[in-house]
Amino acid sequence: MNKNISPELIRKYIGGNCTPEEIENVHNWYASFENEPDPLIDLELKEQLELKMRMLGRIRTNIQSIGADRRNNRMKPLLYSWVVSAAAIFIVVLGIVLYQSDFKSKYFTRKNDNAEIISPVVVHNKTSTLQKHILPDSSVIWLRPLAMIMYSKNFVQDTRKVSMKGDAFFEVTKDKKHPFVIYSGGLITKVWGTSFSISYNSETRSTEVAVLTGKVSVSPNKHSEERSGERLEARLAEPSDELMLLPDQKAVYSESHKLSKAKITQNSAVSIWKKEDVLFDNITVKEIIKVLNIKFNVNITTTDQALNDYVLKADFSGQSLPEILLIMEKSLNITYSIEGADILLKQQQK
């Protein structure tokens, strides 16, 4: 794919004056960058937005100045090279930078008579509960509080790509023709159809991938680490840098860029995602809490005595704890907050 297009075409595209054929040429040119890993996923959101605004202002200023400078033939090769390079950075960076929904609604939504540019989908769990999100391929992601994911609206293509921050659990729909790739915390996780969690420990600055079912491969994100000043080309070429994980195995990626594999322990945080068979036949919430705490190795409590006396009849066969909590929310009109393994049940405010 030729990654050079004319500055005149870029100006027409930004101004919304392209023909259908010209729009297709620009889209094909932009698509040539799609397989490159997200270069900004490790930046803070404020840093991403600041970079976006600086890039936008600089590109516009230089594109506008080209018309006056074109009369100088000696400057044309230099200007052509600069605009093509700058436009490439502009389109690729702005396609990734828009991480917040406030900016997402304002960008990539302008329409013209020929085409519509599509914005990325951003999901940010701003609640204190676990948030369930279903992807276009029917894969399910459970986001812990403050977790965030981003993916393209044209999700089901050659590769299903998701960028994320925070902690999340994935139940990926099997699709051999479309690999599922996640960029998170300096790691690239590739899956075909499985259930696993990805979590980040802010104290140790390490990322953990824990597999419950299926098989995934985990490898360092070369582009992410090079931004930290590392020279990793030779080391990343070694086969040992990619780990294959089977059920009940986990990979830990440390702050020192060391990737190691271990067995999932019985008291692991991933236990809440295991499918268990639990049946309650007119049992009080107080007794239900005791059972769930043992089954999923958590600490569920409630400060509401009236809630303890609620009675529930339910068959939770083949359900994970988040799924059980979701059902209890709807059936008992309660809510909950979660922090680590501590879960607090509360009555809904009327």
Protein backbone atom coordinates (compact mmCIF):
# COMPACT_ATOMS: atom_id res chain seq x y z
CA MET A 1 0.00 0.00 0.00
CA ASN A 2 1.40 3.37 -1.04
CA LYS A 3 1.37 5.58 2.04
CA ASN A 4 1.90 8.81 0.03
CA ILE A 5 -1.02 10.87 -1.21
CA SER A 6 -1.05 14.43 -2.47
CA PRO A 7 -1.47 17.40 -0.12
CA GLU A 8 -4.19 18.73 -2.42
CA LEU A 9 -6.26 15.60 -1.81
CA ILE A 10 -5.77 15.90 1.95
CA ARG A 11 -6.96 19.51 1.89
CA LYS A 12 -10.04 18.55 -0.15
CA TYR A 13 -10.79 15.67 2.24
CA ILE A 14 -10.53 17.85 5.36
CA GLY A 15 -12.74 20.45 3.67
CA GLY A 16 -15.34 17.85 2.67
CA ASN A 17 -14.96 18.50 -1.06
CA CYS A 18 -13.80 15.07 -2.30
CA THR A 19 -15.46 12.98 -4.98
CA PRO A 20 -16.51 9.40 -4.06
CA GLU A 21 -13.40 8.06 -5.79
CA GLU A 22 -11.13 10.48 -3.91
CA ILE A 23 -12.77 9.58 -0.58
CA GLU A 24 -12.13 5.91 -1.29
CA ASN A 25 -8.47 6.66 -2.04
CA VAL A 26 -8.06 8.50 1.29
CA HIS A 27 -9.82 5.71 3.21
CA ASN A 28 -7.62 3.07 1.59
CA TRP A 29 -4.56 5.14 2.46
CA TYR A 30 -5.73 5.46 6.07
CA ALA A 31 -6.51 1.72 6.24
CA SER A 32 -2.84 0.98 5.55
CA PHE A 33 -2.12 2.16 9.12
CA GLU A 34 -4.77 -0.01 10.81
CA ASN A 35 -2.50 -2.92 11.67
CA GLU A 36 -0.09 -0.71 13.58
CA PRO A 37 -0.48 -1.00 17.40
CA ASP A 38 -2.01 1.86 19.29
CA PRO A 39 0.95 4.19 20.03
CA LEU A 40 -0.88 6.26 22.65
CA ILE A 41 -2.59 3.69 24.87
CA ASP A 42 -0.17 4.27 27.76
CA LEU A 43 -0.63 8.05 27.80
CA GLU A 44 -2.92 9.67 30.34
CA LEU A 45 -6.19 10.96 28.88
CA LYS A 46 -5.23 14.60 29.49
CA GLU A 47 -1.95 14.02 27.66
CA GLN A 48 -3.77 12.40 24.73
CA LEU A 49 -6.21 15.29 24.42
CA GLU A 50 -3.45 17.89 24.68
CA LEU A 51 -1.51 16.11 21.92
CA LYS A 52 -4.65 16.03 19.74
CA MET A 53 -5.21 19.78 20.06
CA ARG A 54 -1.58 20.63 19.35
CA MET A 55 -1.49 18.35 16.30
CA LEU A 56 -4.74 19.78 14.95
CA GLY A 57 -3.55 23.37 15.24
CA ARG A 58 -0.16 22.63 13.72
CA ILE A 59 -1.53 20.70 10.73
CA ARG A 60 -4.13 23.36 9.92
CA THR A 61 -1.55 26.14 10.13
CA ASN A 62 0.91 24.42 7.83
CA ILE A 63 -1.69 23.27 5.30
CA GLN A 64 -3.03 26.82 5.01
CA SER A 65 0.47 28.16 4.45
CA ILE A 66 1.15 25.87 1.50
CA GLY A 67 -0.96 27.87 -0.97
CA ALA A 68 1.22 30.95 -0.52
CA ASP A 69 4.47 29.01 -0.61
CA ARG A 70 3.71 26.95 -3.70
CA ARG A 71 4.90 29.78 -5.97
CA ASN A 72 8.42 29.03 -4.84
CA ASN A 73 9.31 25.94 -6.88
CA ARG A 74 12.36 25.28 -4.77
CA MET A 75 10.12 24.73 -1.73
CA LYS A 76 7.66 22.31 -3.36
CA PRO A 77 9.53 19.03 -2.65
CA LEU A 78 10.04 20.00 0.98
CA LEU A 79 6.44 21.10 1.47
CA TYR A 80 5.07 18.01 -0.24
CA SER A 81 7.09 15.74 2.00
CA TRP A 82 6.12 17.65 5.13
CA VAL A 83 2.39 17.72 4.40
CA VAL A 84 2.23 14.01 3.57
CA SER A 85 4.11 13.11 6.75
CA ALA A 86 2.12 15.53 8.89
CA ALA A 87 -1.21 14.42 7.43
CA ALA A 88 -0.32 10.80 8.10
CA ILE A 89 0.38 11.61 11.74
CA PHE A 90 -2.74 13.78 11.91
CA ILE A 91 -5.16 11.12 10.68
CA VAL A 92 -3.60 8.20 12.58
CA VAL A 93 -3.17 10.08 15.86
CA LEU A 94 -6.60 11.69 15.84
CA GLY A 95 -8.21 8.34 15.09
CA ILE A 96 -6.71 7.00 18.34
CA VAL A 97 -6.51 10.00 20.63
CA LEU A 98 -10.23 10.60 21.11
CA TYR A 99 -10.63 8.58 24.25
CA GLN A 100 -13.40 10.46 26.00
CA SER A 101 -17.01 10.31 24.85
CA ASP A 102 -17.33 14.13 25.06
CA PHE A 103 -14.77 14.44 22.29
CA LYS A 104 -16.02 11.35 20.45
CA SER A 105 -19.41 12.99 19.85
CA LYS A 106 -17.76 16.09 18.37
CA TYR A 107 -15.21 14.40 16.11
CA PHE A 108 -15.56 12.05 13.15
CA THR A 109 -19.29 12.80 12.95
CA ARG A 110 -19.28 15.41 10.20
CA LYS A 111 -21.12 14.20 7.10
CA ASN A 112 -20.99 15.23 3.47
CA ASP A 113 -22.91 14.06 0.42
CA ASN A 114 -20.56 11.17 -0.24
CA ALA A 115 -19.49 9.50 3.00
CA GLU A 116 -19.44 9.53 6.77
CA ILE A 117 -16.31 9.16 8.89
CA ILE A 118 -16.98 6.86 11.83
CA SER A 119 -15.73 7.52 15.36
CA PRO A 120 -14.38 4.88 17.73
CA VAL A 121 -16.61 3.39 20.44
CA VAL A 122 -15.46 4.27 23.97
CA VAL A 123 -16.92 2.59 27.06
CA HIS A 124 -15.91 3.96 30.46
CA ASN A 125 -17.30 2.40 33.64
CA LYS A 126 -17.82 5.39 35.92
CA THR A 127 -19.94 3.41 38.39
CA SER A 128 -18.92 1.46 41.50
CA THR A 129 -20.34 -1.80 40.11
CA LEU A 130 -19.28 -4.24 37.41
CA GLN A 131 -20.49 -3.09 34.00
CA LYS A 132 -21.39 -5.59 31.28
CA HIS A 133 -20.76 -4.61 27.65
CA ILE A 134 -21.53 -6.71 24.55
CA LEU A 135 -19.33 -6.22 21.48
CA PRO A 136 -20.63 -6.37 17.88
CA ASP A 137 -19.37 -9.99 17.56
CA SER A 138 -21.39 -10.99 20.70
CA SER A 139 -18.25 -11.18 22.85
CA VAL A 140 -18.88 -9.97 26.41
CA ILE A 141 -16.67 -7.65 28.46
CA TRP A 142 -17.22 -7.02 32.17
CA LEU A 143 -15.59 -3.75 33.23
CA ARG A 144 -14.55 -3.14 36.80
CA PRO A 145 -15.05 0.39 38.21
CA LEU A 146 -13.01 3.04 36.32
CA ALA A 147 -12.04 0.58 33.56
CA MET A 148 -12.19 1.79 29.96
CA ILE A 149 -12.20 0.12 26.53
CA MET A 150 -12.07 1.45 23.00
CA TYR A 151 -12.76 -0.28 19.68
CA SER A 152 -13.77 0.59 16.13
CA LYS A 153 -17.41 0.69 15.06
CA ASN A 154 -16.23 -1.43 12.13
CA PHE A 155 -15.22 -4.03 14.69
CA VAL A 156 -15.70 -7.33 12.85
CA GLN A 157 -13.00 -7.12 10.21
CA ASP A 158 -9.79 -9.11 9.71
CA THR A 159 -8.78 -8.56 13.32
CA ARG A 160 -11.03 -7.66 16.26
CA LYS A 161 -9.03 -5.04 18.18
CA VAL A 162 -9.71 -3.63 21.65
CA SER A 163 -7.62 -1.13 23.63
CA MET A 164 -8.21 -1.01 27.37
CA LYS A 165 -7.18 0.49 30.69
CA GLY A 166 -8.03 -0.83 34.14
CA ASP A 167 -9.43 -4.29 34.94
CA ALA A 168 -11.83 -6.31 32.81
CA PHE A 169 -13.01 -9.85 32.18
CA PHE A 170 -13.52 -11.12 28.61
CA GLU A 171 -15.76 -13.85 27.22
CA VAL A 172 -14.69 -13.94 23.58
CA THR A 173 -16.87 -15.41 20.84
CA LYS A 174 -14.99 -18.00 18.77
CA ASP A 175 -14.16 -16.86 15.25
CA LYS A 176 -11.17 -18.51 13.56
CA LYS A 177 -11.22 -16.02 10.68
CA HIS A 178 -11.06 -12.96 12.92
CA PRO A 179 -8.48 -13.06 15.75
CA PHE A 180 -9.25 -11.05 18.88
CA VAL A 181 -6.39 -8.75 20.02
CA ILE A 182 -6.25 -6.61 23.17
CA TYR A 183 -3.75 -3.83 23.87
CA SER A 184 -3.35 -3.16 27.61
CA GLY A 185 -0.65 -2.14 30.08
CA GLY A 186 2.28 -2.79 27.74
CA LEU A 187 0.93 -6.20 26.69
CA ILE A 188 -0.65 -7.63 23.57
CA THR A 189 -3.09 -10.47 24.26
CA LYS A 190 -4.29 -12.60 21.33
CA VAL A 191 -7.26 -14.95 21.65
CA TRP A 192 -9.61 -16.97 19.44
CA GLY A 193 -12.42 -17.88 21.80
CA THR A 194 -11.98 -18.08 25.55
CA SER A 195 -12.68 -16.46 28.93
CA PHE A 196 -9.97 -14.61 30.84
CA SER A 197 -9.29 -11.51 32.88
CA ILE A 198 -6.81 -8.65 32.45
CA SER A 199 -5.96 -6.57 35.50
CA TYR A 200 -3.47 -3.87 36.42
CA ASN A 201 -1.86 -3.50 39.86
CA SER A 202 -1.08 0.19 40.41
CA GLU A 203 1.15 -0.54 43.44
CA THR A 204 3.49 -2.96 41.67
CA ARG A 205 2.78 -1.44 38.22
CA SER A 206 2.27 -4.92 36.80
CA THR A 207 -0.33 -6.37 34.42
CA GLU A 208 -1.84 -9.84 34.86
CA VAL A 209 -3.67 -12.01 32.32
CA ALA A 210 -5.48 -14.98 33.90
CA VAL A 211 -7.18 -17.65 31.76
CA LEU A 212 -10.24 -19.64 32.83
CA THR A 213 -11.10 -21.40 29.57
CA GLY A 214 -9.50 -21.76 26.14
CA LYS A 215 -6.02 -20.56 25.22
CA VAL A 216 -4.41 -17.15 24.74
CA SER A 217 -0.97 -15.85 23.82
CA VAL A 218 0.59 -12.91 25.63
CA SER A 219 3.55 -10.82 24.46
CA PRO A 220 5.08 -7.42 25.31
CA ASN A 221 3.91 -4.48 23.24
CA LYS A 222 7.10 -3.43 21.46
CA HIS A 223 5.85 0.04 20.59
CA SER A 224 4.70 0.71 24.16
CA GLU A 225 8.04 -0.26 25.66
CA GLU A 226 10.14 1.65 23.15
CA ARG A 227 8.42 4.84 24.25
CA SER A 228 9.98 4.25 27.66
CA GLY A 229 13.44 4.42 26.12
CA GLU A 230 14.01 0.67 25.83
CA ARG A 231 15.84 -0.94 22.91
CA LEU A 232 13.94 -4.18 22.60
CA GLU A 233 14.07 -5.25 18.95
CA ALA A 234 16.47 -8.14 19.50
CA ARG A 235 14.89 -9.36 22.71
CA LEU A 236 11.36 -9.16 21.37
CA ALA A 237 12.36 -11.34 18.43
CA GLU A 238 13.02 -14.23 20.78
CA PRO A 239 10.25 -16.89 20.89
CA SER A 240 10.36 -16.89 24.71
CA ASP A 241 8.83 -13.41 24.73
CA GLU A 242 5.45 -14.85 23.74
CA LEU A 243 3.75 -16.99 26.36
CA MET A 244 0.93 -19.43 25.66
CA LEU A 245 -1.58 -19.67 28.51
CA LEU A 246 -3.93 -22.59 29.15
CA PRO A 247 -6.84 -22.78 31.62
CA ASP A 248 -5.89 -21.93 35.23
CA GLN A 249 -2.65 -20.28 34.10
CA LYS A 250 -1.71 -16.61 34.29
CA ALA A 251 0.98 -14.31 32.91
CA VAL A 252 2.41 -11.43 34.93
CA TYR A 253 4.14 -8.53 33.21
CA SER A 254 6.25 -6.55 35.68
CA GLU A 255 7.39 -2.93 35.71
CA SER A 256 10.87 -4.15 34.70
CA HIS A 257 9.35 -5.60 31.48
CA LYS A 258 9.69 -9.20 32.68
CA LEU A 259 6.98 -11.59 31.47
CA SER A 260 6.44 -14.73 33.56
CA LYS A 261 3.89 -17.55 33.79
CA ALA A 262 2.36 -19.08 36.91
CA LYS A 263 -0.56 -21.15 38.16
CA ILE A 264 -3.74 -19.41 39.24
CA THR A 265 -4.11 -19.80 43.00
CA GLN A 266 -7.35 -20.77 44.71
CA ASN A 267 -7.78 -17.30 46.26
CA SER A 268 -7.16 -15.45 43.00
CA ALA A 269 -9.37 -12.49 42.12
CA VAL A 270 -10.35 -14.31 38.92
CA SER A 271 -12.40 -16.72 41.05
CA ILE A 272 -15.48 -14.49 40.79
CA TRP A 273 -15.65 -15.27 37.06
CA LYS A 274 -15.80 -19.05 37.44
CA LYS A 275 -19.10 -20.66 36.51
CA GLU A 276 -20.60 -22.31 39.58
CA ASP A 277 -23.84 -24.20 40.26
CA VAL A 278 -25.74 -22.54 43.10
CA LEU A 279 -29.39 -23.18 43.94
CA PHE A 280 -31.38 -21.17 46.49
CA ASP A 281 -34.86 -22.28 47.51
CA ASN A 282 -36.50 -19.62 49.68
CA ILE A 283 -33.25 -18.72 51.41
CA THR A 284 -32.58 -15.41 53.17
CA VAL A 285 -30.04 -13.00 51.71
CA LYS A 286 -27.98 -13.40 54.88
CA GLU A 287 -27.55 -17.13 54.18
CA ILE A 288 -27.04 -16.53 50.46
CA ILE A 289 -24.16 -14.17 51.24
CA LYS A 290 -22.43 -16.87 53.29
CA VAL A 291 -22.64 -19.33 50.40
CA LEU A 292 -21.41 -16.86 47.79
CA ASN A 293 -18.48 -15.77 49.96
CA ILE A 294 -17.27 -19.36 50.18
CA LYS A 295 -17.95 -20.26 46.55
CA PHE A 296 -16.23 -17.21 45.04
CA ASN A 297 -13.71 -16.31 47.75
CA VAL A 298 -15.07 -12.79 48.29
CA ASN A 299 -16.32 -10.68 51.20
CA ILE A 300 -19.95 -9.72 50.57
CA THR A 301 -21.58 -7.66 53.31
CA THR A 302 -24.63 -5.47 53.87
CA THR A 303 -25.28 -2.81 56.48
CA ASP A 304 -29.03 -3.09 55.99
CA GLN A 305 -30.67 -5.56 58.38
CA ALA A 306 -33.91 -5.53 56.40
CA LEU A 307 -32.00 -6.65 53.31
CA ASN A 308 -30.55 -9.59 55.24
CA ASP A 309 -34.09 -10.85 55.80
CA TYR A 310 -35.08 -10.81 52.11
CA VAL A 311 -35.93 -14.28 50.80
CA LEU A 312 -34.86 -15.50 47.37
CA LYS A 313 -35.69 -18.56 45.29
CA ALA A 314 -33.37 -18.92 42.31
CA ASP A 315 -31.35 -21.41 40.27
CA PHE A 316 -27.93 -19.95 39.50
CA SER A 317 -26.54 -23.00 37.72
CA GLY A 318 -23.57 -22.20 35.49
CA GLN A 319 -23.39 -18.56 36.61
CA SER A 320 -20.44 -16.40 37.63
CA LEU A 321 -20.67 -14.09 40.65
CA PRO A 322 -21.16 -10.92 38.53
CA GLU A 323 -24.03 -12.62 36.71
CA ILE A 324 -25.57 -13.66 40.05
CA LEU A 325 -25.23 -10.11 41.40
CA LEU A 326 -26.90 -8.76 38.27
CA ILE A 327 -29.87 -11.10 38.75
CA MET A 328 -30.12 -10.22 42.44
CA GLU A 329 -30.11 -6.52 41.58
CA LYS A 330 -33.14 -6.93 39.33
CA SER A 331 -35.07 -9.44 41.42
CA LEU A 332 -34.51 -7.86 44.87
CA ASN A 333 -34.33 -4.21 43.79
CA ILE A 334 -30.88 -3.79 45.31
CA THR A 335 -27.55 -2.42 44.15
CA TYR A 336 -23.93 -3.03 45.10
CA SER A 337 -20.47 -1.51 45.05
CA ILE A 338 -17.25 -3.49 44.55
CA GLU A 339 -13.65 -2.76 45.51
CA GLY A 340 -11.27 -5.67 45.07
CA ALA A 341 -12.86 -8.67 46.81
CA ASP A 342 -15.10 -6.50 49.01
CA ILE A 343 -18.71 -6.19 47.85
CA LEU A 344 -21.36 -4.13 49.65
CA LEU A 345 -25.05 -4.83 48.98
CA LYS A 346 -27.50 -1.94 49.41
CA GLN A 347 -31.18 -1.30 48.94
CA GLN A 348 -32.10 0.83 45.94
CA GLN A 349 -32.89 4.42 46.85
CA LYS A 350 -36.56 5.14 46.23
